[in-house]
Amino acid sequence: MTKKSKIEDMDFEIQFYEGIIKKKSDFFAALSALGDLYTKKGQYEKGLELDLRLTQLRPEDPIVLYNLACSYSLVNDTNLALRTIKKAINCGYDDFDFIEQDKDLHNLQQDSRFKRYFARIKNKKNVSSEETD
């Protein structure tokens, strides 16, 4: 598949999900898929807008909060990205290896406050997993 056809496929999917959302504005799966497509296409502001809508539908969902933190990082709002990643972790997000690798969090990963927080929280996880072994 060529790059052009991938973009065309993505554009088709975006139009499809936008059509669904026009009919049912709180359709969680469609909002989530569309937000992901916007992000993949580099339309970070649109992705952020949808992630905010998703948090209204599921305010304590750790995956939704994680994706919102990614969107904040992508638009270079590290303050809100940090606040939101902390909330995601407090709500149960625990894939710390993925947090370290996720390119969407690049801006946040460079922030010294995040580095200190993440080292502390990762250390706590390692200590608690050793206690349960």
N, C-alpha and C. Protein backbone atom coordinates (compact mmCIF):
# COMPACT_ATOMS: atom_id res chain seq x y z
N MET A 1 0.85 -1.18 0.00
CA MET A 1 0.00 0.00 0.00
C MET A 1 0.89 1.24 0.00
N THR A 2 0.60 2.16 -0.87
CA THR A 2 1.40 3.38 -0.96
C THR A 2 1.00 4.35 0.14
N LYS A 3 1.86 5.30 0.37
CA LYS A 3 1.58 6.33 1.37
C LYS A 3 0.32 7.11 0.99
N LYS A 4 0.17 7.39 -0.31
CA LYS A 4 -1.00 8.14 -0.77
C LYS A 4 -2.29 7.36 -0.51
N SER A 5 -2.29 6.06 -0.75
CA SER A 5 -3.50 5.28 -0.52
C SER A 5 -3.80 5.14 0.97
N LYS A 6 -2.76 5.10 1.82
CA LYS A 6 -2.98 5.08 3.27
C LYS A 6 -3.66 6.37 3.73
N ILE A 7 -3.20 7.49 3.19
CA ILE A 7 -3.80 8.77 3.54
C ILE A 7 -5.24 8.84 3.04
N GLU A 8 -5.47 8.35 1.84
CA GLU A 8 -6.84 8.32 1.31
C GLU A 8 -7.73 7.44 2.17
N ASP A 9 -7.22 6.29 2.60
CA ASP A 9 -7.98 5.41 3.49
C ASP A 9 -8.30 6.12 4.80
N MET A 10 -7.32 6.82 5.33
CA MET A 10 -7.51 7.54 6.58
C MET A 10 -8.56 8.64 6.40
N ASP A 11 -8.50 9.36 5.28
CA ASP A 11 -9.49 10.40 5.01
C ASP A 11 -10.89 9.81 4.91
N PHE A 12 -11.00 8.65 4.28
CA PHE A 12 -12.30 7.98 4.17
C PHE A 12 -12.82 7.61 5.55
N GLU A 13 -11.94 7.03 6.38
CA GLU A 13 -12.35 6.65 7.74
C GLU A 13 -12.76 7.87 8.56
N ILE A 14 -12.02 8.96 8.42
CA ILE A 14 -12.36 10.18 9.14
C ILE A 14 -13.75 10.64 8.74
N GLN A 15 -14.03 10.69 7.45
CA GLN A 15 -15.36 11.10 6.98
C GLN A 15 -16.44 10.16 7.51
N PHE A 16 -16.15 8.87 7.52
CA PHE A 16 -17.09 7.89 8.02
C PHE A 16 -17.44 8.15 9.48
N TYR A 17 -16.42 8.29 10.32
CA TYR A 17 -16.66 8.50 11.75
C TYR A 17 -17.27 9.87 12.03
N GLU A 18 -16.88 10.87 11.27
CA GLU A 18 -17.50 12.19 11.44
C GLU A 18 -19.00 12.10 11.15
N GLY A 19 -19.38 11.32 10.13
CA GLY A 19 -20.78 11.14 9.81
C GLY A 19 -21.55 10.45 10.94
N ILE A 20 -20.92 9.46 11.54
CA ILE A 20 -21.56 8.76 12.66
C ILE A 20 -21.77 9.73 13.82
N ILE A 21 -20.75 10.52 14.12
CA ILE A 21 -20.82 11.43 15.27
C ILE A 21 -21.85 12.53 15.05
N LYS A 22 -22.06 12.93 13.80
CA LYS A 22 -23.11 13.92 13.53
C LYS A 22 -24.48 13.38 13.92
N LYS A 23 -24.66 12.08 13.75
CA LYS A 23 -25.94 11.45 14.09
C LYS A 23 -26.04 11.08 15.56
N LYS A 24 -24.92 10.69 16.15
CA LYS A 24 -24.91 10.27 17.55
C LYS A 24 -23.64 10.82 18.21
N SER A 25 -23.75 12.00 18.77
CA SER A 25 -22.58 12.75 19.24
C SER A 25 -21.88 12.14 20.44
N ASP A 26 -22.52 11.19 21.12
CA ASP A 26 -21.88 10.58 22.28
C ASP A 26 -21.49 9.12 22.05
N PHE A 27 -21.33 8.73 20.79
CA PHE A 27 -20.96 7.36 20.44
C PHE A 27 -19.48 7.18 20.77
N PHE A 28 -19.23 6.54 21.90
CA PHE A 28 -17.88 6.45 22.45
C PHE A 28 -16.87 5.84 21.47
N ALA A 29 -17.21 4.70 20.90
CA ALA A 29 -16.27 4.00 20.01
C ALA A 29 -15.92 4.84 18.79
N ALA A 30 -16.90 5.53 18.24
CA ALA A 30 -16.65 6.37 17.06
C ALA A 30 -15.80 7.58 17.44
N LEU A 31 -16.08 8.19 18.58
CA LEU A 31 -15.27 9.32 19.04
C LEU A 31 -13.83 8.90 19.27
N SER A 32 -13.65 7.74 19.88
CA SER A 32 -12.32 7.23 20.16
C SER A 32 -11.55 6.93 18.87
N ALA A 33 -12.20 6.27 17.94
CA ALA A 33 -11.55 5.94 16.67
C ALA A 33 -11.20 7.21 15.89
N LEU A 34 -12.11 8.17 15.88
CA LEU A 34 -11.87 9.42 15.16
C LEU A 34 -10.73 10.21 15.80
N GLY A 35 -10.70 10.25 17.12
CA GLY A 35 -9.60 10.94 17.80
C GLY A 35 -8.25 10.33 17.46
N ASP A 36 -8.22 9.01 17.40
CA ASP A 36 -6.99 8.30 17.04
C ASP A 36 -6.57 8.64 15.60
N LEU A 37 -7.54 8.68 14.71
CA LEU A 37 -7.24 9.01 13.31
C LEU A 37 -6.72 10.44 13.18
N TYR A 38 -7.36 11.37 13.87
CA TYR A 38 -6.88 12.76 13.84
C TYR A 38 -5.42 12.84 14.30
N THR A 39 -5.12 12.14 15.38
CA THR A 39 -3.76 12.16 15.92
C THR A 39 -2.77 11.56 14.92
N LYS A 40 -3.12 10.42 14.34
CA LYS A 40 -2.24 9.79 13.36
C LYS A 40 -2.00 10.69 12.16
N LYS A 41 -2.99 11.50 11.84
CA LYS A 41 -2.88 12.40 10.68
C LYS A 41 -2.18 13.72 11.04
N GLY A 42 -1.87 13.90 12.33
CA GLY A 42 -1.18 15.11 12.76
C GLY A 42 -2.12 16.26 13.08
N GLN A 43 -3.40 15.97 13.17
CA GLN A 43 -4.39 17.00 13.52
C GLN A 43 -4.61 16.96 15.04
N TYR A 44 -3.59 17.40 15.77
CA TYR A 44 -3.55 17.23 17.21
C TYR A 44 -4.62 18.02 17.95
N GLU A 45 -4.94 19.21 17.49
CA GLU A 45 -5.98 20.01 18.15
C GLU A 45 -7.34 19.31 18.05
N LYS A 46 -7.64 18.74 16.89
CA LYS A 46 -8.90 18.01 16.73
C LYS A 46 -8.91 16.76 17.61
N GLY A 47 -7.77 16.07 17.69
CA GLY A 47 -7.67 14.91 18.56
C GLY A 47 -7.88 15.29 20.01
N LEU A 48 -7.30 16.39 20.43
CA LEU A 48 -7.47 16.89 21.79
C LEU A 48 -8.94 17.19 22.07
N GLU A 49 -9.60 17.83 21.13
CA GLU A 49 -11.01 18.16 21.30
C GLU A 49 -11.84 16.90 21.55
N LEU A 50 -11.57 15.85 20.79
CA LEU A 50 -12.31 14.61 20.97
C LEU A 50 -11.94 13.91 22.28
N ASP A 51 -10.67 13.96 22.66
CA ASP A 51 -10.27 13.37 23.94
C ASP A 51 -10.96 14.08 25.11
N LEU A 52 -11.14 15.37 24.99
CA LEU A 52 -11.87 16.11 26.03
C LEU A 52 -13.33 15.65 26.09
N ARG A 53 -13.93 15.44 24.93
CA ARG A 53 -15.31 14.93 24.90
C ARG A 53 -15.39 13.54 25.51
N LEU A 54 -14.40 12.70 25.23
CA LEU A 54 -14.39 11.35 25.79
C LEU A 54 -14.26 11.36 27.31
N THR A 55 -13.50 12.32 27.85
CA THR A 55 -13.37 12.38 29.31
C THR A 55 -14.67 12.85 29.95
N GLN A 56 -15.50 13.57 29.21
CA GLN A 56 -16.82 13.92 29.75
C GLN A 56 -17.70 12.67 29.84
N LEU A 57 -17.53 11.75 28.90
CA LEU A 57 -18.31 10.51 28.90
C LEU A 57 -17.79 9.51 29.93
N ARG A 58 -16.47 9.45 30.08
CA ARG A 58 -15.83 8.49 31.00
C ARG A 58 -14.70 9.18 31.77
N PRO A 59 -15.06 10.00 32.77
CA PRO A 59 -14.05 10.83 33.45
C PRO A 59 -13.01 10.07 34.28
N GLU A 60 -13.28 8.82 34.64
CA GLU A 60 -12.33 8.06 35.46
C GLU A 60 -11.68 6.91 34.69
N ASP A 61 -11.88 6.86 33.38
CA ASP A 61 -11.32 5.78 32.56
C ASP A 61 -9.83 6.02 32.35
N PRO A 62 -8.97 5.12 32.85
CA PRO A 62 -7.52 5.36 32.75
C PRO A 62 -7.01 5.44 31.31
N ILE A 63 -7.60 4.70 30.38
CA ILE A 63 -7.17 4.77 28.98
C ILE A 63 -7.56 6.10 28.36
N VAL A 64 -8.76 6.54 28.64
CA VAL A 64 -9.23 7.83 28.13
C VAL A 64 -8.33 8.95 28.67
N LEU A 65 -8.03 8.89 29.94
CA LEU A 65 -7.16 9.91 30.55
C LEU A 65 -5.74 9.84 29.99
N TYR A 66 -5.25 8.64 29.77
CA TYR A 66 -3.92 8.48 29.17
C TYR A 66 -3.89 9.14 27.79
N ASN A 67 -4.90 8.86 26.97
CA ASN A 67 -4.95 9.45 25.63
C ASN A 67 -5.07 10.96 25.68
N LEU A 68 -5.79 11.48 26.68
CA LEU A 68 -5.88 12.93 26.84
C LEU A 68 -4.51 13.50 27.19
N ALA A 69 -3.77 12.82 28.06
CA ALA A 69 -2.41 13.27 28.40
C ALA A 69 -1.53 13.30 27.15
N CYS A 70 -1.68 12.28 26.31
CA CYS A 70 -0.92 12.25 25.05
C CYS A 70 -1.28 13.46 24.18
N SER A 71 -2.56 13.76 24.09
CA SER A 71 -2.99 14.90 23.27
C SER A 71 -2.42 16.21 23.81
N TYR A 72 -2.47 16.37 25.13
CA TYR A 72 -1.89 17.58 25.72
C TYR A 72 -0.40 17.66 25.41
N SER A 73 0.29 16.55 25.49
CA SER A 73 1.72 16.53 25.18
C SER A 73 1.96 16.90 23.72
N LEU A 74 1.14 16.37 22.83
CA LEU A 74 1.31 16.65 21.40
C LEU A 74 1.11 18.12 21.06
N VAL A 75 0.23 18.81 21.80
CA VAL A 75 0.04 20.25 21.56
C VAL A 75 0.96 21.07 22.45
N ASN A 76 1.90 20.38 23.12
CA ASN A 76 2.93 20.99 23.95
C ASN A 76 2.39 21.72 25.18
N ASP A 77 1.31 21.20 25.75
CA ASP A 77 0.81 21.72 27.02
C ASP A 77 1.25 20.74 28.10
N THR A 78 2.51 20.87 28.50
CA THR A 78 3.08 19.90 29.44
C THR A 78 2.45 20.00 30.82
N ASN A 79 1.97 21.16 31.22
CA ASN A 79 1.32 21.29 32.53
C ASN A 79 0.09 20.39 32.60
N LEU A 80 -0.78 20.51 31.60
CA LEU A 80 -1.99 19.68 31.60
C LEU A 80 -1.67 18.22 31.29
N ALA A 81 -0.65 17.98 30.49
CA ALA A 81 -0.24 16.60 30.21
C ALA A 81 0.21 15.92 31.51
N LEU A 82 1.00 16.62 32.31
CA LEU A 82 1.48 16.06 33.57
C LEU A 82 0.33 15.81 34.53
N ARG A 83 -0.54 16.78 34.67
CA ARG A 83 -1.69 16.63 35.56
C ARG A 83 -2.56 15.44 35.13
N THR A 84 -2.74 15.29 33.83
CA THR A 84 -3.63 14.25 33.31
C THR A 84 -2.99 12.87 33.38
N ILE A 85 -1.69 12.77 33.14
CA ILE A 85 -1.04 11.45 33.25
C ILE A 85 -1.05 10.98 34.70
N LYS A 86 -0.92 11.91 35.63
CA LYS A 86 -1.01 11.55 37.05
C LYS A 86 -2.39 11.01 37.37
N LYS A 87 -3.42 11.66 36.84
CA LYS A 87 -4.79 11.21 37.07
C LYS A 87 -5.01 9.84 36.44
N ALA A 88 -4.48 9.63 35.24
CA ALA A 88 -4.61 8.33 34.58
C ALA A 88 -3.99 7.23 35.43
N ILE A 89 -2.81 7.49 35.97
CA ILE A 89 -2.13 6.50 36.81
C ILE A 89 -2.91 6.28 38.10
N ASN A 90 -3.41 7.35 38.69
CA ASN A 90 -4.22 7.21 39.91
C ASN A 90 -5.51 6.42 39.65
N CYS A 91 -6.01 6.48 38.43
CA CYS A 91 -7.23 5.74 38.07
C CYS A 91 -6.93 4.32 37.61
N GLY A 92 -5.65 3.95 37.56
CA GLY A 92 -5.31 2.57 37.28
C GLY A 92 -4.43 2.31 36.06
N TYR A 93 -4.06 3.34 35.32
CA TYR A 93 -3.18 3.09 34.18
C TYR A 93 -1.81 2.68 34.72
N ASP A 94 -1.30 1.52 34.27
CA ASP A 94 -0.06 1.03 34.85
C ASP A 94 0.92 0.43 33.84
N ASP A 95 0.77 0.75 32.58
CA ASP A 95 1.72 0.26 31.57
C ASP A 95 2.88 1.25 31.47
N PHE A 96 3.76 1.19 32.47
CA PHE A 96 4.84 2.16 32.56
C PHE A 96 5.86 2.01 31.44
N ASP A 97 6.04 0.80 30.96
CA ASP A 97 6.95 0.60 29.82
C ASP A 97 6.44 1.36 28.60
N PHE A 98 5.14 1.31 28.38
CA PHE A 98 4.56 2.01 27.24
C PHE A 98 4.68 3.53 27.41
N ILE A 99 4.48 4.01 28.62
CA ILE A 99 4.63 5.45 28.89
C ILE A 99 6.03 5.91 28.49
N GLU A 100 7.03 5.10 28.80
CA GLU A 100 8.41 5.47 28.49
C GLU A 100 8.69 5.49 26.99
N GLN A 101 7.98 4.65 26.21
CA GLN A 101 8.25 4.53 24.78
C GLN A 101 7.33 5.38 23.90
N ASP A 102 6.19 5.77 24.43
CA ASP A 102 5.16 6.40 23.61
C ASP A 102 5.64 7.75 23.06
N LYS A 103 5.76 7.82 21.74
CA LYS A 103 6.24 9.05 21.09
C LYS A 103 5.27 10.22 21.27
N ASP A 104 3.99 9.90 21.47
CA ASP A 104 3.01 10.97 21.71
C ASP A 104 3.31 11.73 23.00
N LEU A 105 4.03 11.11 23.91
CA LEU A 105 4.37 11.75 25.18
C LEU A 105 5.76 12.39 25.18
N HIS A 106 6.36 12.50 24.01
CA HIS A 106 7.74 13.01 23.92
C HIS A 106 7.91 14.35 24.65
N ASN A 107 7.03 15.29 24.42
CA ASN A 107 7.17 16.60 25.07
C ASN A 107 7.10 16.47 26.59
N LEU A 108 6.20 15.64 27.07
CA LEU A 108 6.08 15.43 28.52
C LEU A 108 7.30 14.70 29.06
N GLN A 109 7.80 13.73 28.35
CA GLN A 109 8.95 12.94 28.80
C GLN A 109 10.19 13.82 29.00
N GLN A 110 10.25 14.95 28.35
CA GLN A 110 11.39 15.86 28.47
C GLN A 110 11.28 16.78 29.69
N ASP A 111 10.11 16.82 30.30
CA ASP A 111 9.84 17.72 31.42
C ASP A 111 10.45 17.16 32.71
N SER A 112 11.22 17.98 33.42
CA SER A 112 11.91 17.51 34.64
C SER A 112 10.92 17.10 35.72
N ARG A 113 9.78 17.78 35.82
CA ARG A 113 8.77 17.40 36.82
C ARG A 113 8.23 15.99 36.54
N PHE A 114 8.00 15.71 35.26
CA PHE A 114 7.53 14.38 34.89
C PHE A 114 8.60 13.34 35.20
N LYS A 115 9.85 13.63 34.88
CA LYS A 115 10.93 12.68 35.13
C LYS A 115 11.00 12.31 36.61
N ARG A 116 10.90 13.32 37.49
CA ARG A 116 10.94 13.05 38.93
C ARG A 116 9.73 12.23 39.37
N TYR A 117 8.54 12.65 38.92
CA TYR A 117 7.31 11.94 39.27
C TYR A 117 7.36 10.50 38.77
N PHE A 118 7.75 10.31 37.53
CA PHE A 118 7.73 8.99 36.92
C PHE A 118 8.74 8.07 37.61
N ALA A 119 9.91 8.57 37.94
CA ALA A 119 10.90 7.74 38.64
C ALA A 119 10.35 7.30 40.00
N ARG A 120 9.69 8.22 40.69
CA ARG A 120 9.12 7.91 42.01
C ARG A 120 8.00 6.87 41.89
N ILE A 121 7.08 7.05 40.95
CA ILE A 121 5.94 6.16 40.80
C ILE A 121 6.37 4.79 40.29
N LYS A 122 7.35 4.78 39.40
CA LYS A 122 7.85 3.50 38.87
C LYS A 122 8.57 2.73 39.96
N ASN A 123 9.30 3.42 40.81
CA ASN A 123 9.98 2.78 41.93
C ASN A 123 8.96 2.16 42.89
N LYS A 124 7.87 2.88 43.15
CA LYS A 124 6.82 2.34 44.02
C LYS A 124 6.22 1.07 43.43
N LYS A 125 6.01 1.07 42.12
CA LYS A 125 5.44 -0.11 41.46
C LYS A 125 6.40 -1.29 41.58
N ASN A 126 7.68 -1.04 41.37
CA ASN A 126 8.69 -2.11 41.46
C ASN A 126 8.76 -2.68 42.87
N VAL A 127 8.69 -1.82 43.87
CA VAL A 127 8.73 -2.27 45.27
C VAL A 127 7.50 -3.11 45.58
N SER A 128 6.31 -2.63 45.17
CA SER A 128 5.10 -3.38 45.47
C SER A 128 5.03 -4.70 44.72
N SER A 129 5.57 -4.77 43.50
CA SER A 129 5.56 -6.04 42.76
C SER A 129 6.55 -7.04 43.37
N GLU A 130 7.64 -6.53 43.94
CA GLU A 130 8.59 -7.42 44.62
C GLU A 130 7.97 -8.01 45.88
N GLU A 131 7.13 -7.22 46.56
CA GLU A 131 6.49 -7.68 47.78
C GLU A 131 5.48 -8.78 47.50
N THR A 132 4.86 -8.77 46.32
CA THR A 132 3.86 -9.77 46.00
C THR A 132 4.45 -11.03 45.37
N ASP A 133 5.73 -10.98 45.00
CA ASP A 133 6.37 -12.17 44.39
C ASP A 133 6.66 -13.24 45.42
